[in-house]
Each structure stands twice: as structure tokens, then as C-alpha cells.
């Protein structure tokens, strides 16, 4: 499907599903009854999770479950973004060009617009927390990924809040665990903008209004995962989604709190982060585990997390709950594609013409590992490939490893990258360690027990793996040439 037709066709989750339904192998719908507690994710682990999920797993279709045990009027979709090919299709581009496509949208944002409450599909049905029998656990089929999870998790909830002092708005996806009939715990990775807003409100002794939009246009989810410095405080990432669709994302004011939500979301949770209130993430399970995170391990449960007091839940008729498996290819897409775009933008400005492409590899969950394809065109380009790697670390601070390859190596083909590492790399001169740098706290190897260079948890030794041929030796490393032929005629009859 062409770029133009996708922009015109996909506007929300339902239109995205309609598009996938018309493409063979992209959507699997089942009416077999499934338990959202561990079973649903257990099924999808085999069907299409991929990423850093424990093997066996694979890349496969998105999956729509229409018969959820314990819920009469609910459906759950998983894996919408768990394939780079599918993401490219949904964004109207190709798998190889997604990063550049996103970079262009980043540089040409289209600001969101407001719609009246009566026009918002997400408010077709309203449940107030004051209603008799109100209970998040029966309204929303939030799954658990494994039997060890701290509780049901909302993994695809777009959180929207505003700075209580300046009014600056931000959207981010966070780990949200349903803790009771009207309470949700919220985990913030240090440095997130919404947490800065929350701390300001808490210092003033006030609650922080927040909305959680679930079930969205894929462009909205991916756009929301950009981070500073590409999207500094005050940059509304929804403008990137607007640029991707060439029309603004529509927002609506919440009914019970001073916040905004995505107007065509399937489900919206309205609430407030309470000041000075904390809860143990695993207060009921007592497993010490939260849920599987993108590195492939169970994240440790946090002993004291901020609490959202829910005021209302609104949704469309016959809502679709959207979820993902934490370490799946879906996380790779959401985190990795903005990473690629950020690196392309920063390196492209500093070193024009050197960088050919970037791939945020699934082994790093889209955050830890990036393969940079570079082209050395003249002697002065020697050494600039390592400058590009340093810029990549600046563009995305949570990046841990950068692998550099030449223009004749396919960065999206792991076998080709490892071939370059085998035949163009010598560890004593081509590994560039960068010790003592803070990275992402969910990497379990970032602890003083692993290395004497690590002074505190969350600090890493980052590294550049330079698998490029020195410019002066390029003539000695030419790949064996093959005759260009029209091979397709041999596939007929």
C-alpha cells in the first residue's frame, strides 16, 4: 500500500486493524476463550512476540482475541507493532527507510488539535469511580505477561500530563500496574518529563492530573517514544504523529480531571497522581518481580511507587484493549525506531554524507544496541565513523553498544554484521570502551559486582565495535562480485 493511501486510511487502532486484515499473514483473529492472566501472553510468545523473549519465539502476525475469560464485552489485541515490516506498512514506508521517515516527521511536526467532548469516540461510554461497583479489574482486561507478574499491567497506556507551573504538556508510556478497584501504580525511569511534573505538584502538596489513552493509531505510539535531546521538554511528540499522517492528532478534555486524552482512543483512564502516597508494586503477589522488561529479564518490583487514583474510565462501544509483551519485538519497534531517527538526525547534521543507515537491533530491545552503516568516501573520513558513534550515544543516552559497518554490509542482516565483525575487526584495536557512563537502569549487568569500573547501579561501560575497513585498505576488502542477472525467469514454471 502506498504512503499516501496509508495516511488516508489509518487514523486509529480500528482502521489499522482493517488494513492488516486485508494483508495475508498480518493479523490472526481467534474466538477461542483465553485467560488474560499469563495465558494470553503465553500464547503470543509462540505466535509472534520475537524480540528478547525466551526462545522459542518468532516474528509473526498481530493477534486479536475476541473471547476473554471473565469479560463479556472486551477484546484484546497484541503485537500490532511486533514486526518491522508491519510497522513500515502501517506508516506507509519501507522497513529500511523507517528511521529516515520518522526523522522527517520529527523535523516537520503537525500540532494536535482539540475536539468537543461530544465528538470524541473515546467517551461513548463513561464509568465514574463513584458509580456503584466500579472496579478497574472488571472493566479493563489488563493482562499479565507471566505467572510471576506483580499484577495486571497496562503496557500500552499513553500517559498525558502537564507541568503544573508552566502548562507544558508531555506524553510518555510507563509501566502501570492495576493495584485495586481504583488504584494504579506508576513506575518512572529517572529523568522522564512526566515525573518532573509529578514532583512539582507533589512539592506543592497537590495531585497531578493524568490521562491514560489505550488502543491508538500506531503512529501515535511510536511518536510518543522519542526522548531528549531530540524532543526536549516542551516538545509535544504528538506533533510527530501528526506529521506522519499529515493531519493533526485529535485530543479531547477529560471529564473528571484537568487533562487531555486522545479522542479516538479505545479506552481512557482519568485520574490523579496522589502526593506523598506510595505503594509496593508487588503488594499482592509478593514475588519480588514486576513484569518482563525489554532486556528479556523480569524487572524487579519497586518497593514504593507513586499511585494514580482513578476518577473515571471512558471507552468506545465494544472496546479493544491493546497490550504488548515487555521484551517483544513490539518494544523494539516503539523504542528502536525513534532511536534510529534521533541518530540519523544528529549524525546527519554533524557529519553530512557519512551515515547511510541505522538499525536499533532487537537484541538490545531497541535501546541498547545500534548498528551504524557508514561510507568512507575520502581519506579524511577515516576516524569520522567513531565520531558518528559518539554522536549516537549523545542522540540516545540509553544506548550501550554501537557497531560500525561499511556501506557494503547490510545493517539489518545480523549474519552480515557478524561477518563484518569476523573479517574486518580486531578486538585489540577496534573495541573502544567508554567506562563510567550512566545508561538504562534495567540492564542487570550494570552493577559493581560485574566490573570494577562500575561505581553504582545503572552505570555502564559503553563500547564502540568498529567493524569498518580502514580507508587505506578498502581495496583489499572487496566482496566477491557476482554477475547481475534476472533470476525471476528461473522461478516460473
Protein backbone atom coordinates (compact mmCIF):
# COMPACT_ATOMS: atom_id res chain seq x y z
CA UNK A 1 0.00 0.00 0.00
CA UNK A 2 1.36 3.41 -0.92
CA UNK A 3 2.42 6.08 1.54
CA UNK A 4 -0.49 8.35 0.55
CA UNK A 5 -3.16 5.69 0.87
CA UNK A 6 -1.94 4.60 4.31
CA UNK A 7 -2.00 8.20 5.55
CA UNK A 8 -5.60 8.46 4.38
CA UNK A 9 -6.64 5.03 5.66
CA UNK A 10 -5.11 4.64 9.15
CA UNK A 11 -6.39 7.10 11.74
CA UNK A 12 -6.87 4.91 14.81
CA UNK A 13 -6.49 1.33 16.05
CA UNK A 14 -9.59 0.04 14.26
CA UNK A 15 -8.56 1.39 10.86
CA UNK A 16 -5.09 -0.08 11.42
CA UNK A 17 -6.67 -3.47 12.12
CA UNK A 18 -8.79 -3.15 8.98
CA UNK A 19 -5.66 -2.54 6.94
CA UNK A 20 -3.89 -5.58 8.43
CA UNK A 21 -6.94 -7.76 7.90
CA UNK A 22 -6.58 -7.22 4.16
CA UNK A 23 -2.93 -8.33 4.08
CA UNK A 24 -2.20 -12.05 4.26
CA UNK A 25 -0.26 -13.12 7.34
CA UNK A 26 -0.52 -9.83 9.25
CA UNK A 27 -3.49 -10.42 11.57
CA UNK A 28 -4.70 -13.56 13.30
CA UNK A 29 -8.16 -13.37 14.92
CA UNK A 30 -9.33 -16.05 17.33
CA UNK A 31 -12.60 -16.66 19.19
CA UNK A 32 -11.08 -19.34 21.44
CA UNK A 33 -11.54 -18.38 25.09
CA UNK A 34 -8.31 -17.11 26.64
CA UNK A 35 -7.35 -16.14 30.18
CA UNK A 36 -5.71 -12.69 30.29
CA UNK A 37 -3.71 -13.83 33.31
CA UNK A 38 -0.48 -15.23 31.78
CA UNK A 39 -2.22 -17.38 29.15
CA UNK A 40 -2.76 -14.68 26.52
CA UNK A 41 0.89 -13.62 26.52
CA UNK A 42 1.93 -17.26 26.76
CA UNK A 43 0.08 -17.91 23.51
CA UNK A 44 1.52 -14.91 21.71
CA UNK A 45 5.04 -15.82 22.82
CA UNK A 46 4.86 -18.62 20.25
CA UNK A 47 2.83 -16.78 17.58
CA UNK A 48 4.73 -13.55 17.07
CA UNK A 49 6.46 -11.98 20.10
CA UNK A 50 10.09 -12.11 18.92
CA UNK A 51 12.47 -9.59 20.44
CA UNK A 52 14.34 -10.74 23.55
CA UNK A 53 11.56 -13.13 24.63
CA UNK A 54 12.86 -16.51 25.80
CA UNK A 55 13.13 -18.96 22.93
CA UNK A 56 11.24 -20.50 21.23
CA UNK A 57 9.59 -17.40 19.84
CA UNK A 58 9.31 -15.78 16.42
CA UNK A 59 8.14 -12.78 14.47
CA UNK A 60 4.57 -13.31 13.33
CA UNK A 61 1.16 -11.67 12.85
CA UNK A 62 -0.63 -9.39 15.27
CA UNK A 63 -3.27 -11.30 17.20
CA UNK A 64 -6.83 -10.27 18.12
CA UNK A 65 -8.50 -12.22 20.94
CA UNK A 66 -12.28 -11.80 20.86
CA UNK A 67 -13.23 -14.13 23.74
CA UNK A 68 -11.64 -13.02 27.02
CA UNK A 69 -12.46 -15.11 30.07
CA UNK A 70 -14.31 -13.05 32.67
CA UNK A 71 -15.18 -10.21 30.28
CA UNK A 72 -18.36 -10.13 28.20
CA UNK A 73 -17.72 -7.05 26.09
CA UNK A 74 -13.99 -6.85 25.54
CA UNK A 75 -11.34 -7.75 23.00
CA UNK A 76 -7.56 -7.71 23.33
CA UNK A 77 -5.07 -7.08 20.54
CA UNK A 78 -1.37 -7.80 20.91
CA UNK A 79 1.61 -7.46 18.60
CA UNK A 80 0.39 -4.60 16.40
CA UNK A 81 3.97 -3.31 16.18
CA UNK A 82 5.83 -6.61 16.70
CA UNK A 83 7.24 -6.68 13.16
CA UNK A 84 9.35 -4.09 11.40
CA UNK A 85 7.66 -4.96 8.12
CA UNK A 86 4.22 -4.43 9.68
CA UNK A 87 5.25 -1.09 11.19
CA UNK A 88 6.53 0.05 7.80
CA UNK A 89 3.22 -0.95 6.22
CA UNK A 90 1.22 0.91 8.86
CA UNK A 91 3.35 4.04 8.41
CA UNK A 92 3.37 3.92 4.62
CA UNK A 93 7.10 3.36 4.13
CA UNK A 94 9.64 0.51 3.82
CA UNK A 95 11.48 -1.33 6.62
CA UNK A 96 14.83 0.12 5.53
CA UNK A 97 13.56 3.71 5.45
CA UNK A 98 11.56 3.88 8.68
CA UNK A 99 14.27 5.77 10.56
CA UNK A 100 14.60 8.45 7.87
CA UNK A 101 10.80 8.60 7.56
CA UNK A 102 10.50 9.30 11.29
CA UNK A 103 13.35 11.82 11.20
CA UNK A 104 11.50 13.80 8.54
CA UNK A 105 8.33 13.79 10.67
CA UNK A 106 10.35 14.89 13.71
CA UNK A 107 11.59 17.90 11.77
CA UNK A 108 8.12 18.85 10.46
CA UNK A 109 5.64 18.35 13.32
CA UNK A 110 1.90 18.98 12.96
CA UNK A 111 0.46 20.18 16.26
CA UNK A 112 -2.52 18.32 17.78
CA UNK A 113 -5.97 19.93 17.88
CA UNK A 114 -8.85 19.81 20.34
CA UNK A 115 -12.31 18.42 19.59
CA UNK A 116 -15.51 18.82 21.57
CA UNK A 117 -16.40 16.15 24.07
CA UNK A 118 -19.48 15.13 22.11
CA UNK A 119 -17.28 14.34 19.09
CA UNK A 120 -14.80 12.10 20.89
CA UNK A 121 -15.24 8.37 20.25
CA UNK A 122 -13.29 7.55 23.43
CA UNK A 123 -16.17 8.96 25.54
CA UNK A 124 -19.03 6.94 24.03
CA UNK A 125 -19.33 5.02 27.33
CA UNK A 126 -18.48 6.54 30.73
CA UNK A 127 -17.86 4.82 34.08
CA UNK A 128 -17.31 7.11 37.05
CA UNK A 129 -15.33 5.88 40.05
CA UNK A 130 -18.26 6.98 42.20
CA UNK A 131 -20.60 4.56 40.42
CA UNK A 132 -21.71 1.55 42.48
CA UNK A 133 -19.50 -1.46 41.77
CA UNK A 134 -16.85 0.50 39.85
CA UNK A 135 -13.75 -1.70 39.51
CA UNK A 136 -10.87 -1.36 37.06
CA UNK A 137 -10.22 -5.09 37.29
CA UNK A 138 -13.60 -5.94 35.79
CA UNK A 139 -13.73 -3.03 33.34
CA UNK A 140 -10.33 -3.49 31.68
CA UNK A 141 -8.87 -6.90 30.73
CA UNK A 142 -5.29 -5.88 31.54
CA UNK A 143 -3.14 -8.99 31.09
CA UNK A 144 -0.17 -10.31 32.98
CA UNK A 145 2.78 -11.50 30.92
CA UNK A 146 3.88 -14.31 33.27
CA UNK A 147 2.66 -16.10 36.41
CA UNK A 148 5.27 -14.12 38.40
CA UNK A 149 3.99 -10.67 37.46
CA UNK A 150 3.14 -8.28 40.28
CA UNK A 151 -0.36 -7.91 38.84
CA UNK A 152 -2.28 -6.97 35.70
CA UNK A 153 -0.29 -4.42 33.67
CA UNK A 154 -1.32 -1.70 31.26
CA UNK A 155 1.65 -1.86 28.89
CA UNK A 156 0.32 0.30 26.03
CA UNK A 157 -1.04 3.22 28.02
CA UNK A 158 -0.11 6.64 26.66
CA UNK A 159 0.15 8.90 29.71
CA UNK A 160 -0.62 12.58 29.17
CA UNK A 161 0.11 15.30 31.71
CA UNK A 162 1.07 18.95 32.05
CA UNK A 163 3.61 20.90 34.09
CA UNK A 164 1.60 22.41 36.98
CA UNK A 165 3.66 25.61 36.81
CA UNK A 166 4.14 26.25 33.08
CA UNK A 167 1.38 24.21 31.43
CA UNK A 168 3.92 22.45 29.16
CA UNK A 169 2.48 19.08 28.13
CA UNK A 170 4.11 15.69 27.53
CA UNK A 171 3.19 12.14 26.55
CA UNK A 172 5.04 9.01 27.63
CA UNK A 173 4.45 5.28 28.05
CA UNK A 174 5.10 3.90 31.53
CA UNK A 175 4.80 0.65 33.49
CA UNK A 176 1.32 0.74 35.05
CA UNK A 177 0.15 -1.98 37.43
CA UNK A 178 -3.50 -2.25 38.45
CA UNK A 179 -3.43 -2.30 42.27
CA UNK A 180 -7.12 -2.22 43.14
CA UNK A 181 -10.58 -1.12 42.14
CA UNK A 182 -9.46 2.47 41.54
CA UNK A 183 -5.68 2.50 42.01
CA UNK A 184 -2.76 2.05 39.60
CA UNK A 185 0.94 2.17 40.47
CA UNK A 186 3.23 4.04 38.08
CA UNK A 187 6.95 3.38 37.55
CA UNK A 188 9.10 6.23 36.26
CA UNK A 189 12.54 5.69 34.77
CA UNK A 190 14.60 8.59 36.19
CA UNK A 191 14.55 11.71 34.06
CA UNK A 192 11.13 11.31 32.46
CA UNK A 193 9.27 14.59 31.94
CA UNK A 194 6.00 13.41 33.48
CA UNK A 195 7.86 12.53 36.66
CA UNK A 196 9.25 16.06 36.78
CA UNK A 197 5.68 17.36 36.54
CA UNK A 198 4.56 14.98 39.30
CA UNK A 199 7.37 16.06 41.62
CA UNK A 200 6.47 19.73 41.16
CA UNK A 201 2.84 19.02 42.03
CA UNK A 202 3.85 16.88 44.99
CA UNK A 203 6.14 19.60 46.33
CA UNK A 204 3.13 21.93 46.27
CA UNK A 205 1.04 19.28 48.02
CA UNK A 206 -1.26 18.88 45.03
CA UNK A 207 -2.31 15.88 42.92
CA UNK A 208 -1.03 15.65 39.35
CA UNK A 209 -3.86 15.18 36.81
CA UNK A 210 -3.17 12.47 34.26
CA UNK A 211 -4.89 10.55 31.49
CA UNK A 212 -4.01 7.12 30.09
CA UNK A 213 -5.08 6.51 26.48
CA UNK A 214 -5.11 2.87 25.34
CA UNK A 215 -5.66 1.47 21.86
CA UNK A 216 -4.26 4.02 19.42
CA UNK A 217 -3.05 4.70 15.90
CA UNK A 218 0.41 3.05 15.64
CA UNK A 219 1.88 6.39 14.58
CA UNK A 220 0.92 7.87 17.95
CA UNK A 221 2.60 5.09 19.92
CA UNK A 222 5.88 5.28 18.01
CA UNK A 223 5.99 9.07 18.01
CA UNK A 224 5.49 9.16 21.77
CA UNK A 225 8.70 7.16 22.34
CA UNK A 226 11.09 9.90 21.22
CA UNK A 227 13.25 11.25 24.02
CA UNK A 228 15.54 14.20 24.72
CA UNK A 229 17.59 15.70 23.18
CA UNK A 230 15.56 15.00 20.02
CA UNK A 231 12.37 16.01 21.83
CA UNK A 232 13.32 18.32 24.72
CA UNK A 233 10.97 19.40 27.47
CA UNK A 234 8.12 21.32 25.86
CA UNK A 235 8.15 19.37 22.59
CA UNK A 236 4.82 17.59 22.13
CA UNK A 237 5.60 14.24 20.47
CA UNK A 238 2.04 14.03 19.16
CA UNK A 239 3.17 16.54 16.53
CA UNK A 240 5.38 13.80 15.05
CA UNK A 241 2.36 11.52 14.70
CA UNK A 242 0.51 14.39 13.04
CA UNK A 243 3.33 14.77 10.53
CA UNK A 244 3.29 11.04 9.78
CA UNK A 245 -0.43 11.18 8.96
CA UNK A 246 -0.34 14.70 7.51
CA UNK A 247 -3.22 15.62 9.80
CA UNK A 248 -3.26 16.62 13.47
CA UNK A 249 -3.90 14.15 16.27
CA UNK A 250 -7.23 14.97 17.88
CA UNK A 251 -7.42 15.44 21.64
CA UNK A 252 -10.34 15.87 24.00
CA UNK A 253 -10.61 17.21 27.53
CA UNK A 254 -11.18 14.62 30.21
CA UNK A 255 -14.46 14.56 32.11
CA UNK A 256 -13.18 14.41 35.69
CA UNK A 257 -9.63 15.81 35.73
CA UNK A 258 -7.78 18.73 34.14
CA UNK A 259 -6.03 16.68 31.47
CA UNK A 260 -6.38 15.76 27.80
CA UNK A 261 -6.70 12.38 26.10
CA UNK A 262 -6.50 11.02 22.56
CA UNK A 263 -10.02 11.47 21.19
CA UNK A 264 -10.22 8.23 19.20
CA UNK A 265 -8.58 6.02 21.81
CA UNK A 266 -10.32 2.74 22.57
CA UNK A 267 -10.09 3.30 26.35
CA UNK A 268 -9.15 6.29 28.50
CA UNK A 269 -8.41 6.19 32.21
CA UNK A 270 -8.71 9.51 34.01
CA UNK A 271 -7.03 10.05 37.35
CA UNK A 272 -4.62 11.89 39.61
CA UNK A 273 -1.16 11.02 40.91
CA UNK A 274 -1.56 11.47 44.65
CA UNK A 275 1.08 13.47 46.56
CA UNK A 276 3.10 11.58 49.17
CA UNK A 277 1.28 8.29 48.55
CA UNK A 278 3.35 5.20 47.69
CA UNK A 279 2.62 1.52 47.24
CA UNK A 280 4.73 -1.63 46.86
CA UNK A 281 4.43 -2.75 43.25
CA UNK A 282 4.08 -6.43 44.26
CA UNK A 283 1.96 -5.83 47.36
CA UNK A 284 -0.36 -8.71 46.45
CA UNK A 285 1.87 -11.19 44.60
CA UNK A 286 4.93 -10.83 46.88
CA UNK A 287 7.08 -12.31 44.09
CA UNK A 288 9.65 -9.52 44.08
CA UNK A 289 9.08 -9.30 40.32
CA UNK A 290 7.27 -6.62 38.34
CA UNK A 291 6.89 -7.86 34.74
CA UNK A 292 9.23 -8.89 31.91
CA UNK A 293 11.10 -5.83 30.65
CA UNK A 294 12.75 -5.18 27.30
CA UNK A 295 16.20 -6.67 28.15
CA UNK A 296 14.46 -10.06 28.50
CA UNK A 297 14.52 -10.36 32.28
CA UNK A 298 11.81 -9.82 34.87
CA UNK A 299 12.08 -6.30 36.19
CA UNK A 300 12.36 -6.12 39.99
CA UNK A 301 9.24 -4.90 41.77
CA UNK A 302 9.70 -1.45 43.25
CA UNK A 303 9.02 -1.08 46.97
CA UNK A 304 7.43 2.38 46.83
CA UNK A 305 5.78 3.70 43.66
CA UNK A 306 3.51 6.71 43.10
CA UNK A 307 -0.20 5.93 42.93
CA UNK A 308 -2.83 7.06 40.42
CA UNK A 309 -6.27 7.43 41.98
CA UNK A 310 -8.69 6.72 39.14
CA UNK A 311 -11.63 9.08 38.70
CA UNK A 312 -13.27 7.60 35.61
CA UNK A 313 -12.89 5.17 32.72
CA UNK A 314 -14.30 6.08 29.33
CA UNK A 315 -14.27 3.94 26.19
CA UNK A 316 -15.68 3.28 22.76
CA UNK A 317 -18.53 0.85 22.20
CA UNK A 318 -17.10 -2.72 22.26
CA UNK A 319 -13.61 -1.52 23.22
CA UNK A 320 -10.34 -3.16 22.22
CA UNK A 321 -7.68 -3.42 24.93
CA UNK A 322 -4.21 -3.10 23.38
CA UNK A 323 -1.25 -4.75 25.07
CA UNK A 324 2.26 -5.98 24.41
CA UNK A 325 4.80 -8.40 25.85
CA UNK A 326 7.51 -6.34 27.56
CA UNK A 327 10.57 -7.89 25.85
CA UNK A 328 8.88 -8.47 22.48
CA UNK A 329 9.68 -7.07 19.05
CA UNK A 330 6.89 -4.58 19.74
CA UNK A 331 9.11 -2.80 22.25
CA UNK A 332 11.94 -2.91 19.72
CA UNK A 333 9.75 -1.04 17.24
CA UNK A 334 8.48 1.57 19.69
CA UNK A 335 11.85 2.31 21.28
CA UNK A 336 14.17 1.48 18.38
CA UNK A 337 12.61 3.41 15.51
CA UNK A 338 12.75 6.76 17.37
CA UNK A 339 16.32 5.84 18.36
CA UNK A 340 17.21 5.38 14.69
CA UNK A 341 15.57 8.67 13.73
CA UNK A 342 17.37 10.54 16.53
CA UNK A 343 20.76 9.17 15.45
CA UNK A 344 20.09 9.88 11.77
CA UNK A 345 19.19 13.47 12.61
CA UNK A 346 22.14 14.23 14.88
CA UNK A 347 24.85 12.47 12.84
CA UNK A 348 23.44 13.78 9.58
CA UNK A 349 23.75 17.37 10.79
CA UNK A 350 27.27 16.93 12.16
CA UNK A 351 28.78 14.64 9.51
CA UNK A 352 26.82 15.05 6.27
CA UNK A 353 27.01 12.11 3.87
CA UNK A 354 28.83 9.71 6.19
CA UNK A 355 25.92 7.85 7.77
CA UNK A 356 23.97 5.62 5.36
CA UNK A 357 21.53 3.93 7.73
CA UNK A 358 20.90 2.85 11.31
CA UNK A 359 19.32 -0.25 12.83
CA UNK A 360 18.37 -0.43 16.51
CA UNK A 361 18.89 -4.15 16.86
CA UNK A 362 16.27 -6.35 18.59
CA UNK A 363 18.93 -7.89 20.86
CA UNK A 364 19.06 -4.57 22.69
CA UNK A 365 15.30 -4.15 22.88
CA UNK A 366 15.56 -1.14 20.58
CA UNK A 367 17.51 0.79 23.22
CA UNK A 368 20.90 -0.83 23.93
CA UNK A 369 22.40 -1.77 20.53
CA UNK A 370 22.60 0.19 17.29
CA UNK A 371 24.27 -0.81 14.02
CA UNK A 372 25.52 2.21 12.06
CA UNK A 373 26.24 1.81 8.36
CA UNK A 374 28.80 4.37 7.18
CA UNK A 375 30.54 5.23 3.92
CA UNK A 376 34.13 6.48 3.92
CA UNK A 377 34.48 8.37 0.66
CA UNK A 378 37.88 10.02 1.14
CA UNK A 379 40.93 9.71 3.44
CA UNK A 380 39.65 12.40 5.86
CA UNK A 381 36.63 10.20 6.57
CA UNK A 382 38.83 7.77 8.48
CA UNK A 383 38.04 8.26 12.16
CA UNK A 384 34.77 10.02 11.48
CA UNK A 385 32.95 6.72 11.83
CA UNK A 386 33.89 6.74 15.51
CA UNK A 387 32.75 10.34 15.81
CA UNK A 388 29.42 9.13 14.44
CA UNK A 389 29.28 6.50 17.18
CA UNK A 390 29.95 9.13 19.86
CA UNK A 391 27.18 11.26 18.40
CA UNK A 392 24.85 8.26 18.53
CA UNK A 393 25.48 7.97 22.27
CA UNK A 394 24.63 11.68 22.59
CA UNK A 395 21.49 11.33 20.49
CA UNK A 396 20.20 8.49 22.67
CA UNK A 397 21.73 8.35 26.13
CA UNK A 398 20.45 4.85 26.95
CA UNK A 399 22.42 3.30 24.07
CA UNK A 400 25.07 0.86 25.32
CA UNK A 401 26.79 -0.61 22.22
CA UNK A 402 27.38 0.81 18.74
CA UNK A 403 28.52 -1.49 15.94
CA UNK A 404 30.02 0.27 12.90
CA UNK A 405 29.90 -1.37 9.46
CA UNK A 406 30.79 -0.30 5.91
CA UNK A 407 28.33 0.56 3.15
CA UNK A 408 28.63 -2.94 1.60
CA UNK A 409 27.28 -4.56 4.78
CA UNK A 410 23.54 -4.81 5.37
CA UNK A 411 22.94 -3.38 8.88
CA UNK A 412 19.56 -5.18 9.07
CA UNK A 413 21.12 -8.61 8.43
CA UNK A 414 22.70 -9.95 11.62
CA UNK A 415 24.66 -12.58 9.69
CA UNK A 416 26.19 -9.87 7.53
CA UNK A 417 27.05 -7.73 10.57
CA UNK A 418 28.71 -10.70 12.29
CA UNK A 419 30.58 -11.46 9.05
CA UNK A 420 31.98 -7.93 9.16
CA UNK A 421 32.91 -8.40 12.81
CA UNK A 422 34.66 -11.66 11.92
CA UNK A 423 36.63 -10.46 8.86
CA UNK A 424 37.11 -6.72 9.45
CA UNK A 425 37.54 -6.42 13.19
CA UNK A 426 40.44 -6.93 15.62
CA UNK A 427 39.46 -6.63 19.26
CA UNK A 428 42.74 -5.07 20.45
CA UNK A 429 42.35 -2.03 18.20
CA UNK A 430 38.67 -1.96 17.20
CA UNK A 431 36.93 -2.02 20.58
CA UNK A 432 36.57 1.44 22.10
CA UNK A 433 35.38 1.17 25.72
CA UNK A 434 33.74 4.17 27.38
CA UNK A 435 33.57 3.34 31.10
CA UNK A 436 31.63 5.06 33.86
CA UNK A 437 28.66 6.30 31.82
CA UNK A 438 25.09 6.16 33.08
CA UNK A 439 22.81 4.06 30.89
CA UNK A 440 19.38 2.47 31.45
CA UNK A 441 18.62 1.04 34.92
CA UNK A 442 17.00 -2.18 33.62
CA UNK A 443 20.28 -3.69 32.35
CA UNK A 444 21.09 -6.24 35.09
CA UNK A 445 24.80 -6.25 34.19
CA UNK A 446 25.13 -2.64 35.31
CA UNK A 447 26.26 -3.34 38.87
CA UNK A 448 29.57 -3.05 40.74
CA UNK A 449 29.67 -6.85 41.03
CA UNK A 450 30.10 -7.12 37.25
CA UNK A 451 33.03 -4.73 36.79
CA UNK A 452 35.38 -2.60 38.91
CA UNK A 453 34.67 0.32 36.54
CA UNK A 454 31.05 0.44 37.71
CA UNK A 455 30.71 2.63 40.78
CA UNK A 456 26.95 2.46 41.15
CA UNK A 457 23.95 0.57 39.80
CA UNK A 458 22.84 1.97 36.46
CA UNK A 459 26.34 2.92 35.31
CA UNK A 460 27.78 1.04 32.34
CA UNK A 461 30.91 0.64 30.27
CA UNK A 462 29.62 1.57 26.84
CA UNK A 463 31.52 0.38 23.79
CA UNK A 464 32.09 1.02 20.10
CA UNK A 465 32.77 -2.03 17.92
CA UNK A 466 34.43 -0.65 14.79
CA UNK A 467 33.92 -3.30 12.11
CA UNK A 468 34.80 -0.96 9.24
CA UNK A 469 37.82 -1.33 6.98
CA UNK A 470 40.44 1.43 7.31
CA UNK A 471 40.06 3.67 4.28
CA UNK A 472 43.63 2.97 3.10
CA UNK A 473 42.86 -0.78 3.00
CA UNK A 474 39.44 -0.70 1.31
CA UNK A 475 40.85 -2.10 -1.92
CA UNK A 476 41.89 -5.29 -0.13
CA UNK A 477 38.43 -5.97 1.32
CA UNK A 478 36.20 -6.03 -1.73
CA UNK A 479 33.48 -8.65 -1.56
CA UNK A 480 33.42 -11.25 -4.30
CA UNK A 481 31.39 -9.86 -7.23
CA UNK A 482 28.54 -11.76 -8.87
CA UNK A 483 27.00 -11.28 -12.27
CA UNK A 484 23.76 -9.30 -12.21
CA UNK A 485 21.05 -11.47 -13.71
CA UNK A 486 17.28 -11.63 -13.98
CA UNK A 487 16.81 -14.61 -11.69
CA UNK A 488 13.00 -14.34 -11.62
CA UNK A 489 12.64 -16.07 -15.00
CA UNK A 490 14.04 -19.25 -13.41
CA UNK A 491 11.24 -19.23 -10.84
CA UNK A 492 8.48 -19.58 -13.40
CA UNK A 493 7.06 -22.99 -14.29
